[in-house]
Amino acid sequence: MSLVIVGAGPNLGLAVARRFGREGFGVGLISRTRSRLDDLAAQLEGEGITAAGAAADIRDSDALAAAIEALAGRLGAVEVLEYSPLPAREFMKPILETTVDDVRGPLEFSVLGAVAAARAVLGPMQAAGRGTILFTTGGAAINPYPLRAGVGISFAGEVAYARMLHDELAGQGIHVAHTAIAGSIAPGGDNEPEAIADVLWSHHVDRSTFQTRIGID
């Protein structure tokens, strides 16, 4: 069985990989940068966790789906998909300065990418009758901030998609959950990566809750 992390990096992605890897999951890592993936996979392998990377631009839906399918072929069927790419700074313009083009990028990143990733694993999960899909976003998914308009718009769309998946798939043994996190995720930052990884693990094993809010009223 495997976990695939879309948007893998050295903070949350690495912590999630370790958390699930300790439970016997092979770990697939996806980001744009091949060298970063190689470094993360080598670090996990050094800790005794089976890991592999596949480079893809999340805004290229076909490439993203192909990367997920390649990792499934290498590591085994995807039991858990974790979607948590970090939005680019250019997605965060003030609302009164935000144009159509400014919204297109965030939507490709948070909504179209989320759909492409989910579609790549849904068929096998439905055939197996089990699986978990985890969407992780910033706090703007709950409390949109007008100085960071793009992510407020796109995260809201991502959560709507996740909610509909949750409602449709709950009876098929597939759990879909969303975690919204206010503040940074980094060692010594607002949120420790290991603590968030524990929350995501809890969504996989305790399948009763759709949404967890961290640092959000």
N, C-alpha and C. Protein backbone atom coordinates (compact mmCIF):
# COMPACT_ATOMS: atom_id res chain seq x y z
N MET A 1 0.85 -1.19 0.00
CA MET A 1 0.00 0.00 0.00
C MET A 1 0.88 1.24 0.00
N SER A 2 0.36 2.31 -0.56
CA SER A 2 1.19 3.50 -0.65
C SER A 2 0.40 4.77 -0.31
N LEU A 3 1.17 5.78 0.06
CA LEU A 3 0.71 7.15 0.25
C LEU A 3 1.36 7.98 -0.84
N VAL A 4 0.60 8.82 -1.51
CA VAL A 4 1.16 9.78 -2.46
C VAL A 4 0.89 11.18 -1.95
N ILE A 5 1.96 11.97 -1.86
CA ILE A 5 1.87 13.35 -1.39
C ILE A 5 2.08 14.28 -2.58
N VAL A 6 1.07 15.05 -2.90
CA VAL A 6 1.17 16.03 -3.99
C VAL A 6 1.53 17.38 -3.36
N GLY A 7 2.70 17.89 -3.75
CA GLY A 7 3.21 19.10 -3.14
C GLY A 7 4.21 18.78 -2.04
N ALA A 8 4.98 17.72 -2.22
CA ALA A 8 5.91 17.27 -1.18
C ALA A 8 7.05 18.27 -1.00
N GLY A 9 7.36 18.56 0.25
CA GLY A 9 8.45 19.46 0.58
C GLY A 9 9.11 19.06 1.88
N PRO A 10 10.07 19.83 2.35
CA PRO A 10 10.86 19.45 3.52
C PRO A 10 10.19 19.69 4.86
N ASN A 11 9.03 20.31 4.88
CA ASN A 11 8.34 20.56 6.15
C ASN A 11 7.15 19.61 6.31
N LEU A 12 5.96 20.02 5.87
CA LEU A 12 4.80 19.17 6.05
C LEU A 12 4.93 17.86 5.27
N GLY A 13 5.35 17.94 4.01
CA GLY A 13 5.45 16.72 3.21
C GLY A 13 6.33 15.67 3.85
N LEU A 14 7.49 16.07 4.32
CA LEU A 14 8.42 15.13 4.95
C LEU A 14 7.83 14.55 6.23
N ALA A 15 7.17 15.40 7.02
CA ALA A 15 6.57 14.92 8.27
C ALA A 15 5.46 13.91 8.00
N VAL A 16 4.63 14.19 7.00
CA VAL A 16 3.55 13.25 6.65
C VAL A 16 4.14 11.94 6.13
N ALA A 17 5.17 12.04 5.32
CA ALA A 17 5.82 10.84 4.80
C ALA A 17 6.35 9.98 5.95
N ARG A 18 6.97 10.61 6.91
CA ARG A 18 7.49 9.86 8.06
C ARG A 18 6.36 9.24 8.87
N ARG A 19 5.29 10.00 9.08
CA ARG A 19 4.20 9.50 9.92
C ARG A 19 3.56 8.26 9.31
N PHE A 20 3.26 8.33 8.02
CA PHE A 20 2.65 7.19 7.36
C PHE A 20 3.67 6.09 7.10
N GLY A 21 4.91 6.48 6.84
CA GLY A 21 5.95 5.49 6.62
C GLY A 21 6.18 4.61 7.83
N ARG A 22 6.05 5.19 9.03
CA ARG A 22 6.20 4.39 10.25
C ARG A 22 5.12 3.32 10.37
N GLU A 23 4.01 3.54 9.68
CA GLU A 23 2.90 2.59 9.73
C GLU A 23 2.97 1.57 8.58
N GLY A 24 4.08 1.59 7.85
CA GLY A 24 4.28 0.59 6.81
C GLY A 24 3.92 1.02 5.40
N PHE A 25 3.58 2.29 5.21
CA PHE A 25 3.25 2.79 3.87
C PHE A 25 4.52 3.04 3.06
N GLY A 26 4.50 2.64 1.78
CA GLY A 26 5.45 3.20 0.84
C GLY A 26 5.02 4.61 0.52
N VAL A 27 5.97 5.50 0.26
CA VAL A 27 5.66 6.92 0.12
C VAL A 27 6.07 7.41 -1.26
N GLY A 28 5.10 7.97 -1.98
CA GLY A 28 5.34 8.61 -3.26
C GLY A 28 5.31 10.11 -3.10
N LEU A 29 6.26 10.80 -3.69
CA LEU A 29 6.43 12.24 -3.53
C LEU A 29 6.33 12.93 -4.89
N ILE A 30 5.53 13.99 -4.95
CA ILE A 30 5.39 14.74 -6.20
C ILE A 30 5.61 16.23 -5.94
N SER A 31 6.49 16.82 -6.72
CA SER A 31 6.66 18.27 -6.80
C SER A 31 7.31 18.56 -8.14
N ARG A 32 7.55 19.82 -8.42
CA ARG A 32 8.14 20.17 -9.72
C ARG A 32 9.63 19.88 -9.79
N THR A 33 10.31 19.88 -8.64
CA THR A 33 11.77 19.89 -8.62
C THR A 33 12.33 18.49 -8.39
N ARG A 34 12.96 17.92 -9.41
CA ARG A 34 13.49 16.56 -9.32
C ARG A 34 14.54 16.43 -8.22
N SER A 35 15.43 17.41 -8.11
CA SER A 35 16.50 17.32 -7.11
C SER A 35 15.94 17.31 -5.70
N ARG A 36 14.89 18.10 -5.46
CA ARG A 36 14.27 18.10 -4.12
C ARG A 36 13.65 16.74 -3.83
N LEU A 37 12.99 16.17 -4.80
CA LEU A 37 12.38 14.86 -4.61
C LEU A 37 13.43 13.80 -4.31
N ASP A 38 14.54 13.85 -5.05
CA ASP A 38 15.61 12.88 -4.82
C ASP A 38 16.16 13.01 -3.41
N ASP A 39 16.34 14.24 -2.95
CA ASP A 39 16.85 14.45 -1.59
C ASP A 39 15.88 13.93 -0.54
N LEU A 40 14.58 14.23 -0.70
CA LEU A 40 13.59 13.76 0.27
C LEU A 40 13.50 12.24 0.27
N ALA A 41 13.48 11.64 -0.92
CA ALA A 41 13.38 10.18 -1.00
C ALA A 41 14.61 9.52 -0.36
N ALA A 42 15.79 10.07 -0.61
CA ALA A 42 17.00 9.51 -0.01
C ALA A 42 16.97 9.62 1.51
N GLN A 43 16.47 10.74 2.00
CA GLN A 43 16.38 10.92 3.45
C GLN A 43 15.43 9.89 4.06
N LEU A 44 14.29 9.68 3.42
CA LEU A 44 13.32 8.69 3.93
C LEU A 44 13.86 7.27 3.82
N GLU A 45 14.50 6.96 2.72
CA GLU A 45 15.09 5.63 2.55
C GLU A 45 16.13 5.37 3.64
N GLY A 46 16.90 6.42 4.00
CA GLY A 46 17.89 6.30 5.06
C GLY A 46 17.27 6.02 6.42
N GLU A 47 15.98 6.34 6.56
CA GLU A 47 15.25 6.08 7.81
C GLU A 47 14.45 4.78 7.74
N GLY A 48 14.66 4.04 6.66
CA GLY A 48 13.98 2.75 6.54
C GLY A 48 12.60 2.81 5.93
N ILE A 49 12.25 3.92 5.29
CA ILE A 49 10.94 4.09 4.66
C ILE A 49 11.09 3.98 3.16
N THR A 50 10.33 3.12 2.54
CA THR A 50 10.35 2.99 1.08
C THR A 50 9.76 4.25 0.47
N ALA A 51 10.52 4.89 -0.42
CA ALA A 51 10.07 6.17 -0.97
C ALA A 51 10.55 6.33 -2.40
N ALA A 52 9.78 7.07 -3.18
CA ALA A 52 10.13 7.38 -4.56
C ALA A 52 9.50 8.70 -4.95
N GLY A 53 10.12 9.41 -5.87
CA GLY A 53 9.59 10.68 -6.33
C GLY A 53 9.24 10.65 -7.80
N ALA A 54 8.32 11.53 -8.18
CA ALA A 54 7.96 11.72 -9.59
C ALA A 54 7.73 13.21 -9.79
N ALA A 55 8.50 13.84 -10.66
CA ALA A 55 8.38 15.28 -10.87
C ALA A 55 7.22 15.59 -11.80
N ALA A 56 6.44 16.61 -11.44
CA ALA A 56 5.32 17.05 -12.28
C ALA A 56 4.94 18.46 -11.88
N ASP A 57 4.51 19.25 -12.86
CA ASP A 57 3.94 20.56 -12.60
C ASP A 57 2.47 20.35 -12.25
N ILE A 58 2.06 20.75 -11.07
CA ILE A 58 0.70 20.52 -10.60
C ILE A 58 -0.32 21.19 -11.51
N ARG A 59 0.09 22.24 -12.23
CA ARG A 59 -0.84 22.93 -13.12
C ARG A 59 -0.98 22.23 -14.47
N ASP A 60 -0.23 21.16 -14.68
CA ASP A 60 -0.35 20.31 -15.87
C ASP A 60 -1.10 19.05 -15.45
N SER A 61 -2.41 19.02 -15.65
CA SER A 61 -3.24 17.94 -15.12
C SER A 61 -2.83 16.57 -15.64
N ASP A 62 -2.48 16.49 -16.91
CA ASP A 62 -2.09 15.20 -17.49
C ASP A 62 -0.78 14.71 -16.87
N ALA A 63 0.18 15.61 -16.71
CA ALA A 63 1.46 15.23 -16.11
C ALA A 63 1.28 14.81 -14.66
N LEU A 64 0.41 15.50 -13.93
CA LEU A 64 0.17 15.15 -12.54
C LEU A 64 -0.45 13.76 -12.43
N ALA A 65 -1.46 13.49 -13.24
CA ALA A 65 -2.10 12.17 -13.21
C ALA A 65 -1.09 11.08 -13.58
N ALA A 66 -0.25 11.36 -14.57
CA ALA A 66 0.74 10.37 -14.98
C ALA A 66 1.75 10.10 -13.86
N ALA A 67 2.14 11.14 -13.13
CA ALA A 67 3.08 10.96 -12.02
C ALA A 67 2.48 10.09 -10.93
N ILE A 68 1.22 10.33 -10.61
CA ILE A 68 0.55 9.52 -9.59
C ILE A 68 0.46 8.06 -10.03
N GLU A 69 0.10 7.85 -11.27
CA GLU A 69 -0.02 6.48 -11.77
C GLU A 69 1.33 5.78 -11.81
N ALA A 70 2.40 6.52 -12.13
CA ALA A 70 3.74 5.93 -12.14
C ALA A 70 4.16 5.51 -10.73
N LEU A 71 3.86 6.34 -9.74
CA LEU A 71 4.20 6.00 -8.36
C LEU A 71 3.39 4.80 -7.87
N ALA A 72 2.12 4.73 -8.26
CA ALA A 72 1.30 3.57 -7.89
C ALA A 72 1.88 2.30 -8.48
N GLY A 73 2.36 2.38 -9.73
CA GLY A 73 2.96 1.22 -10.35
C GLY A 73 4.24 0.78 -9.66
N ARG A 74 4.95 1.72 -9.10
CA ARG A 74 6.23 1.41 -8.44
C ARG A 74 6.06 0.98 -6.98
N LEU A 75 5.11 1.63 -6.27
CA LEU A 75 4.99 1.43 -4.83
C LEU A 75 3.78 0.60 -4.42
N GLY A 76 2.88 0.37 -5.34
CA GLY A 76 1.65 -0.33 -5.00
C GLY A 76 0.46 0.62 -5.01
N ALA A 77 -0.72 0.05 -4.97
CA ALA A 77 -1.95 0.84 -5.06
C ALA A 77 -1.96 1.96 -4.04
N VAL A 78 -2.49 3.11 -4.46
CA VAL A 78 -2.53 4.28 -3.58
C VAL A 78 -3.67 4.11 -2.59
N GLU A 79 -3.31 3.92 -1.33
CA GLU A 79 -4.29 3.82 -0.26
C GLU A 79 -4.68 5.20 0.25
N VAL A 80 -3.70 6.13 0.24
CA VAL A 80 -3.94 7.50 0.73
C VAL A 80 -3.34 8.50 -0.25
N LEU A 81 -4.14 9.49 -0.62
CA LEU A 81 -3.66 10.63 -1.40
C LEU A 81 -3.70 11.85 -0.49
N GLU A 82 -2.58 12.57 -0.42
CA GLU A 82 -2.53 13.79 0.39
C GLU A 82 -2.18 14.94 -0.54
N TYR A 83 -3.10 15.92 -0.64
CA TYR A 83 -2.95 17.03 -1.58
C TYR A 83 -2.72 18.32 -0.79
N SER A 84 -1.48 18.81 -0.84
CA SER A 84 -1.17 20.01 -0.05
C SER A 84 -0.07 20.85 -0.69
N PRO A 85 -0.19 21.18 -1.97
CA PRO A 85 0.84 22.03 -2.58
C PRO A 85 0.82 23.43 -1.98
N LEU A 86 2.00 24.02 -1.89
CA LEU A 86 2.13 25.36 -1.31
C LEU A 86 1.92 26.41 -2.40
N PRO A 87 0.91 27.27 -2.27
CA PRO A 87 0.63 28.27 -3.32
C PRO A 87 1.78 29.24 -3.51
N ALA A 88 1.93 29.71 -4.74
CA ALA A 88 2.96 30.69 -5.05
C ALA A 88 2.56 32.07 -4.54
N ARG A 89 3.54 32.90 -4.28
CA ARG A 89 3.26 34.24 -3.74
C ARG A 89 2.46 35.10 -4.72
N GLU A 90 2.64 34.85 -6.03
CA GLU A 90 1.91 35.67 -6.99
C GLU A 90 0.42 35.39 -6.98
N PHE A 91 -0.02 34.36 -6.27
CA PHE A 91 -1.44 34.07 -6.15
C PHE A 91 -2.11 34.94 -5.08
N MET A 92 -1.36 35.82 -4.44
CA MET A 92 -1.86 36.49 -3.24
C MET A 92 -1.93 38.00 -3.40
N LYS A 93 -2.54 38.47 -4.47
CA LYS A 93 -2.72 39.90 -4.67
C LYS A 93 -3.97 40.39 -3.94
N PRO A 94 -4.02 41.69 -3.62
CA PRO A 94 -5.24 42.25 -3.02
C PRO A 94 -6.43 42.09 -3.96
N ILE A 95 -7.61 41.95 -3.40
CA ILE A 95 -8.80 41.64 -4.18
C ILE A 95 -9.09 42.72 -5.23
N LEU A 96 -8.88 44.00 -4.91
CA LEU A 96 -9.20 45.06 -5.87
C LEU A 96 -8.18 45.17 -7.00
N GLU A 97 -7.06 44.47 -6.86
CA GLU A 97 -6.05 44.43 -7.93
C GLU A 97 -6.09 43.10 -8.69
N THR A 98 -6.96 42.19 -8.29
CA THR A 98 -6.96 40.83 -8.84
C THR A 98 -7.75 40.78 -10.15
N THR A 99 -7.09 40.29 -11.19
CA THR A 99 -7.69 40.18 -12.51
C THR A 99 -8.06 38.73 -12.81
N VAL A 100 -8.67 38.53 -13.96
CA VAL A 100 -8.99 37.17 -14.40
C VAL A 100 -7.74 36.31 -14.45
N ASP A 101 -6.67 36.85 -15.02
CA ASP A 101 -5.43 36.09 -15.12
C ASP A 101 -4.84 35.77 -13.75
N ASP A 102 -5.05 36.67 -12.78
CA ASP A 102 -4.54 36.42 -11.43
C ASP A 102 -5.28 35.27 -10.75
N VAL A 103 -6.52 35.04 -11.14
CA VAL A 103 -7.30 33.96 -10.54
C VAL A 103 -7.04 32.63 -11.24
N ARG A 104 -6.67 32.69 -12.50
CA ARG A 104 -6.49 31.45 -13.28
C ARG A 104 -5.44 30.53 -12.65
N GLY A 105 -4.31 31.09 -12.27
CA GLY A 105 -3.24 30.29 -11.69
C GLY A 105 -3.66 29.57 -10.40
N PRO A 106 -4.21 30.28 -9.43
CA PRO A 106 -4.66 29.61 -8.22
C PRO A 106 -5.71 28.53 -8.48
N LEU A 107 -6.62 28.78 -9.41
CA LEU A 107 -7.63 27.76 -9.71
C LEU A 107 -6.98 26.51 -10.31
N GLU A 108 -6.01 26.70 -11.20
CA GLU A 108 -5.30 25.54 -11.76
C GLU A 108 -4.58 24.77 -10.65
N PHE A 109 -4.03 25.50 -9.72
CA PHE A 109 -3.22 24.92 -8.66
C PHE A 109 -4.06 24.18 -7.63
N SER A 110 -5.09 24.84 -7.13
CA SER A 110 -5.84 24.29 -6.00
C SER A 110 -7.10 23.53 -6.38
N VAL A 111 -7.69 23.84 -7.53
CA VAL A 111 -8.93 23.17 -7.92
C VAL A 111 -8.69 22.16 -9.03
N LEU A 112 -8.16 22.60 -10.17
CA LEU A 112 -7.95 21.67 -11.27
C LEU A 112 -6.92 20.60 -10.89
N GLY A 113 -5.88 21.00 -10.18
CA GLY A 113 -4.90 20.02 -9.72
C GLY A 113 -5.51 19.02 -8.75
N ALA A 114 -6.36 19.51 -7.85
CA ALA A 114 -7.01 18.62 -6.90
C ALA A 114 -7.91 17.61 -7.62
N VAL A 115 -8.63 18.07 -8.63
CA VAL A 115 -9.50 17.17 -9.39
C VAL A 115 -8.66 16.14 -10.14
N ALA A 116 -7.59 16.58 -10.78
CA ALA A 116 -6.74 15.65 -11.52
C ALA A 116 -6.13 14.60 -10.60
N ALA A 117 -5.67 15.02 -9.43
CA ALA A 117 -5.07 14.07 -8.49
C ALA A 117 -6.10 13.07 -7.99
N ALA A 118 -7.27 13.57 -7.63
CA ALA A 118 -8.31 12.67 -7.12
C ALA A 118 -8.75 11.69 -8.20
N ARG A 119 -8.92 12.18 -9.42
CA ARG A 119 -9.35 11.30 -10.51
C ARG A 119 -8.34 10.19 -10.78
N ALA A 120 -7.07 10.47 -10.52
CA ALA A 120 -6.04 9.46 -10.77
C ALA A 120 -6.10 8.30 -9.79
N VAL A 121 -6.71 8.50 -8.63
CA VAL A 121 -6.75 7.42 -7.63
C VAL A 121 -8.16 6.87 -7.39
N LEU A 122 -9.18 7.58 -7.83
CA LEU A 122 -10.55 7.19 -7.47
C LEU A 122 -10.95 5.83 -8.03
N GLY A 123 -10.64 5.57 -9.29
CA GLY A 123 -11.03 4.30 -9.88
C GLY A 123 -10.51 3.11 -9.11
N PRO A 124 -9.18 3.04 -8.86
CA PRO A 124 -8.65 1.93 -8.07
C PRO A 124 -9.20 1.87 -6.65
N MET A 125 -9.41 3.03 -6.03
CA MET A 125 -9.98 3.02 -4.68
C MET A 125 -11.40 2.46 -4.68
N GLN A 126 -12.20 2.87 -5.65
CA GLN A 126 -13.57 2.36 -5.73
C GLN A 126 -13.58 0.86 -6.01
N ALA A 127 -12.67 0.39 -6.84
CA ALA A 127 -12.59 -1.04 -7.13
C ALA A 127 -12.20 -1.82 -5.88
N ALA A 128 -11.31 -1.23 -5.06
CA ALA A 128 -10.87 -1.91 -3.84
C ALA A 128 -11.85 -1.75 -2.69
N GLY A 129 -12.72 -0.73 -2.78
CA GLY A 129 -13.67 -0.47 -1.71
C GLY A 129 -13.06 0.18 -0.49
N ARG A 130 -11.93 0.88 -0.68
CA ARG A 130 -11.31 1.57 0.46
C ARG A 130 -10.34 2.63 -0.07
N GLY A 131 -9.99 3.57 0.82
CA GLY A 131 -9.03 4.61 0.47
C GLY A 131 -9.31 5.88 1.27
N THR A 132 -8.33 6.76 1.26
CA THR A 132 -8.44 8.05 1.95
C THR A 132 -7.87 9.14 1.05
N ILE A 133 -8.60 10.24 0.93
CA ILE A 133 -8.11 11.40 0.19
C ILE A 133 -8.12 12.60 1.15
N LEU A 134 -6.95 13.18 1.34
CA LEU A 134 -6.77 14.27 2.30
C LEU A 134 -6.41 15.55 1.57
N PHE A 135 -7.19 16.60 1.78
CA PHE A 135 -6.91 17.92 1.23
C PHE A 135 -6.48 18.83 2.37
N THR A 136 -5.34 19.50 2.21
CA THR A 136 -4.82 20.39 3.25
C THR A 136 -4.61 21.76 2.66
N THR A 137 -5.20 22.78 3.28
CA THR A 137 -5.10 24.15 2.76
C THR A 137 -4.75 25.12 3.89
N GLY A 138 -4.52 26.35 3.49
CA GLY A 138 -4.36 27.41 4.46
C GLY A 138 -5.69 27.86 5.03
N GLY A 139 -5.62 28.73 6.01
CA GLY A 139 -6.82 29.20 6.69
C GLY A 139 -7.74 30.03 5.82
N ALA A 140 -7.24 30.53 4.67
CA ALA A 140 -8.08 31.32 3.77
C ALA A 140 -9.24 30.51 3.20
N ALA A 141 -9.15 29.19 3.29
CA ALA A 141 -10.28 28.36 2.86
C ALA A 141 -11.51 28.61 3.72
N ILE A 142 -11.29 29.03 4.95
CA ILE A 142 -12.39 29.28 5.89
C ILE A 142 -12.64 30.77 6.05
N ASN A 143 -11.57 31.51 6.24
CA ASN A 143 -11.66 32.96 6.42
C ASN A 143 -10.88 33.66 5.31
N PRO A 144 -11.49 33.91 4.16
CA PRO A 144 -10.76 34.55 3.06
C PRO A 144 -10.27 35.94 3.44
N TYR A 145 -9.05 36.23 3.01
CA TYR A 145 -8.37 37.47 3.38
C TYR A 145 -8.21 38.33 2.13
N PRO A 146 -8.75 39.54 2.12
CA PRO A 146 -8.79 40.32 0.87
C PRO A 146 -7.43 40.72 0.32
N LEU A 147 -6.37 40.63 1.10
CA LEU A 147 -5.04 40.94 0.58
C LEU A 147 -4.39 39.74 -0.09
N ARG A 148 -5.04 38.58 0.02
CA ARG A 148 -4.54 37.35 -0.62
C ARG A 148 -5.69 36.69 -1.36
N ALA A 149 -6.20 37.41 -2.32
CA ALA A 149 -7.49 37.04 -2.93
C ALA A 149 -7.44 35.71 -3.67
N GLY A 150 -6.39 35.46 -4.40
CA GLY A 150 -6.35 34.25 -5.22
C GLY A 150 -6.53 32.98 -4.43
N VAL A 151 -5.83 32.87 -3.30
CA VAL A 151 -5.94 31.63 -2.52
C VAL A 151 -7.28 31.56 -1.80
N GLY A 152 -7.85 32.71 -1.44
CA GLY A 152 -9.18 32.67 -0.83
C GLY A 152 -10.21 32.10 -1.79
N ILE A 153 -10.12 32.50 -3.05
CA ILE A 153 -11.05 32.01 -4.06
C ILE A 153 -10.80 30.53 -4.36
N SER A 154 -9.53 30.19 -4.59
CA SER A 154 -9.22 28.82 -5.03
C SER A 154 -9.37 27.80 -3.91
N PHE A 155 -8.96 28.16 -2.70
CA PHE A 155 -9.13 27.23 -1.59
C PHE A 155 -10.62 26.93 -1.35
N ALA A 156 -11.46 27.95 -1.48
CA ALA A 156 -12.89 27.73 -1.31
C ALA A 156 -13.41 26.72 -2.32
N GLY A 157 -12.95 26.83 -3.57
CA GLY A 157 -13.34 25.86 -4.58
C GLY A 157 -12.83 24.47 -4.27
N GLU A 158 -11.61 24.38 -3.78
CA GLU A 158 -11.04 23.08 -3.42
C GLU A 158 -11.84 22.41 -2.31
N VAL A 159 -12.22 23.20 -1.31
CA VAL A 159 -12.98 22.62 -0.20
C VAL A 159 -14.38 22.19 -0.65
N ALA A 160 -15.00 22.97 -1.54
CA ALA A 160 -16.31 22.56 -2.07
C ALA A 160 -16.19 21.22 -2.79
N TYR A 161 -15.15 21.07 -3.59
CA TYR A 161 -14.92 19.81 -4.29
C TYR A 161 -14.71 18.67 -3.29
N ALA A 162 -13.88 18.92 -2.28
CA ALA A 162 -13.62 17.90 -1.26
C ALA A 162 -14.90 17.50 -0.52
N ARG A 163 -15.71 18.48 -0.19
CA ARG A 163 -16.97 18.19 0.52
C ARG A 163 -17.88 17.31 -0.32
N MET A 164 -17.99 17.63 -1.60
CA MET A 164 -18.85 16.81 -2.46
C MET A 164 -18.31 15.39 -2.62
N LEU A 165 -17.00 15.27 -2.75
CA LEU A 165 -16.40 13.93 -2.79
C LEU A 165 -16.71 13.16 -1.52
N HIS A 166 -16.54 13.83 -0.39
CA HIS A 166 -16.82 13.19 0.90
C HIS A 166 -18.23 12.64 0.95
N ASP A 167 -19.18 13.46 0.55
CA ASP A 167 -20.57 13.05 0.65
C ASP A 167 -20.90 11.90 -0.30
N GLU A 168 -20.29 11.91 -1.48
CA GLU A 168 -20.59 10.88 -2.47
C GLU A 168 -19.88 9.56 -2.20
N LEU A 169 -18.71 9.61 -1.57
CA LEU A 169 -17.88 8.42 -1.44
C LEU A 169 -17.96 7.75 -0.07
N ALA A 170 -18.60 8.41 0.89
CA ALA A 170 -18.62 7.88 2.25
C ALA A 170 -19.17 6.46 2.31
N GLY A 171 -20.15 6.16 1.49
CA GLY A 171 -20.75 4.83 1.50
C GLY A 171 -19.97 3.79 0.74
N GLN A 172 -18.84 4.20 0.14
CA GLN A 172 -18.04 3.27 -0.66
C GLN A 172 -16.73 2.89 0.01
N GLY A 173 -16.59 3.25 1.29
CA GLY A 173 -15.37 2.91 2.00
C GLY A 173 -14.22 3.87 1.75
N ILE A 174 -14.50 5.00 1.12
CA ILE A 174 -13.46 5.99 0.82
C ILE A 174 -13.73 7.25 1.63
N HIS A 175 -12.77 7.63 2.45
CA HIS A 175 -12.93 8.79 3.31
C HIS A 175 -12.20 9.99 2.72
N VAL A 176 -12.90 11.12 2.61
CA VAL A 176 -12.32 12.37 2.12
C VAL A 176 -12.38 13.38 3.26
N ALA A 177 -11.27 14.04 3.53
CA ALA A 177 -11.22 14.99 4.64
C ALA A 177 -10.45 16.23 4.24
N HIS A 178 -10.75 17.33 4.93
CA HIS A 178 -10.08 18.61 4.70
C HIS A 178 -9.53 19.13 6.01
N THR A 179 -8.29 19.62 5.96
CA THR A 179 -7.67 20.27 7.11
C THR A 179 -7.28 21.68 6.72
N ALA A 180 -7.79 22.67 7.43
CA ALA A 180 -7.46 24.08 7.19
C ALA A 180 -6.55 24.56 8.30
N ILE A 181 -5.44 25.18 7.93
CA ILE A 181 -4.41 25.54 8.90
C ILE A 181 -4.06 27.01 8.76
N ALA A 182 -4.22 27.78 9.82
CA ALA A 182 -3.81 29.18 9.83
C ALA A 182 -2.35 29.27 10.24
N GLY A 183 -1.60 30.08 9.52
CA GLY A 183 -0.20 30.28 9.88
C GLY A 183 0.74 29.34 9.16
N SER A 184 2.02 29.50 9.44
CA SER A 184 3.05 28.74 8.77
C SER A 184 3.16 27.32 9.35
N ILE A 185 3.70 26.42 8.53
CA ILE A 185 3.98 25.06 8.97
C ILE A 185 5.47 24.83 8.79
N ALA A 186 6.21 24.87 9.89
CA ALA A 186 7.66 24.72 9.85
C ALA A 186 8.15 24.52 11.28
N PRO A 187 9.29 23.85 11.44
CA PRO A 187 9.84 23.71 12.79
C PRO A 187 10.05 25.08 13.43
N GLY A 188 9.47 25.27 14.59
CA GLY A 188 9.56 26.56 15.28
C GLY A 188 8.61 27.60 14.76
N GLY A 189 7.78 27.27 13.76
CA GLY A 189 6.81 28.20 13.21
C GLY A 189 5.49 28.15 13.95
N ASP A 190 4.44 28.64 13.30
CA ASP A 190 3.13 28.64 13.94
C ASP A 190 2.62 27.23 14.22
N ASN A 191 2.95 26.31 13.34
CA ASN A 191 2.49 24.92 13.47
C ASN A 191 3.66 23.98 13.18
N GLU A 192 3.89 23.05 14.09
CA GLU A 192 4.95 22.07 13.89
C GLU A 192 4.50 21.03 12.85
N PRO A 193 5.35 20.72 11.88
CA PRO A 193 4.95 19.75 10.86
C PRO A 193 4.51 18.40 11.42
N GLU A 194 5.19 17.92 12.46
CA GLU A 194 4.83 16.62 13.02
C GLU A 194 3.44 16.63 13.63
N ALA A 195 3.04 17.75 14.22
CA ALA A 195 1.71 17.85 14.81
C ALA A 195 0.63 17.80 13.73
N ILE A 196 0.88 18.48 12.60
CA ILE A 196 -0.09 18.44 11.50
C ILE A 196 -0.13 17.05 10.90
N ALA A 197 1.02 16.41 10.80
CA ALA A 197 1.06 15.03 10.27
C ALA A 197 0.22 14.11 11.13
N ASP A 198 0.25 14.30 12.44
CA ASP A 198 -0.57 13.48 13.33
C ASP A 198 -2.07 13.72 13.07
N VAL A 199 -2.43 14.96 12.79
CA VAL A 199 -3.84 15.26 12.47
C VAL A 199 -4.26 14.53 11.20
N LEU A 200 -3.40 14.55 10.19
CA LEU A 200 -3.73 13.88 8.93
C LEU A 200 -3.81 12.36 9.12
N TRP A 201 -2.93 11.83 9.94
CA TRP A 201 -3.03 10.39 10.24
C TRP A 201 -4.35 10.08 10.93
N SER A 202 -4.78 10.96 11.83
CA SER A 202 -6.05 10.73 12.53
C SER A 202 -7.22 10.74 11.57
N HIS A 203 -7.15 11.55 10.52
CA HIS A 203 -8.22 11.54 9.52
C HIS A 203 -8.28 10.21 8.78
N HIS A 204 -7.12 9.59 8.61
CA HIS A 204 -7.08 8.30 7.92
C HIS A 204 -7.66 7.18 8.78
N VAL A 205 -7.35 7.20 10.08
CA VAL A 205 -7.78 6.09 10.94
C VAL A 205 -9.14 6.32 11.60
N ASP A 206 -9.48 7.57 11.88
CA ASP A 206 -10.78 7.90 12.46
C ASP A 206 -11.57 8.65 11.39
N ARG A 207 -12.46 7.96 10.75
CA ARG A 207 -13.05 8.45 9.51
C ARG A 207 -14.39 9.15 9.73
N SER A 208 -14.59 9.70 10.91
CA SER A 208 -15.89 10.27 11.26
C SER A 208 -16.00 11.77 10.95
N THR A 209 -14.87 12.44 10.68
CA THR A 209 -14.87 13.89 10.56
C THR A 209 -14.41 14.33 9.18
N PHE A 210 -15.13 15.26 8.58
CA PHE A 210 -14.71 15.80 7.30
C PHE A 210 -13.65 16.88 7.47
N GLN A 211 -13.87 17.81 8.38
CA GLN A 211 -13.02 19.00 8.42
C GLN A 211 -12.43 19.25 9.81
N THR A 212 -11.12 19.57 9.81
CA THR A 212 -10.44 20.01 11.02
C THR A 212 -9.88 21.41 10.78
N ARG A 213 -10.12 22.30 11.71
CA ARG A 213 -9.60 23.66 11.62
C ARG A 213 -8.53 23.86 12.69
N ILE A 214 -7.37 24.34 12.30
CA ILE A 214 -6.27 24.54 13.22
C ILE A 214 -5.91 26.01 13.24
N GLY A 215 -6.05 26.63 14.41
CA GLY A 215 -5.76 28.06 14.55
C GLY A 215 -6.81 28.95 13.93
N ILE A 216 -8.01 28.41 13.73
CA ILE A 216 -9.09 29.16 13.07
C ILE A 216 -10.32 29.13 13.97
N ASP A 217 -10.90 30.30 14.24
CA ASP A 217 -12.11 30.37 15.07
C ASP A 217 -13.33 29.91 14.27
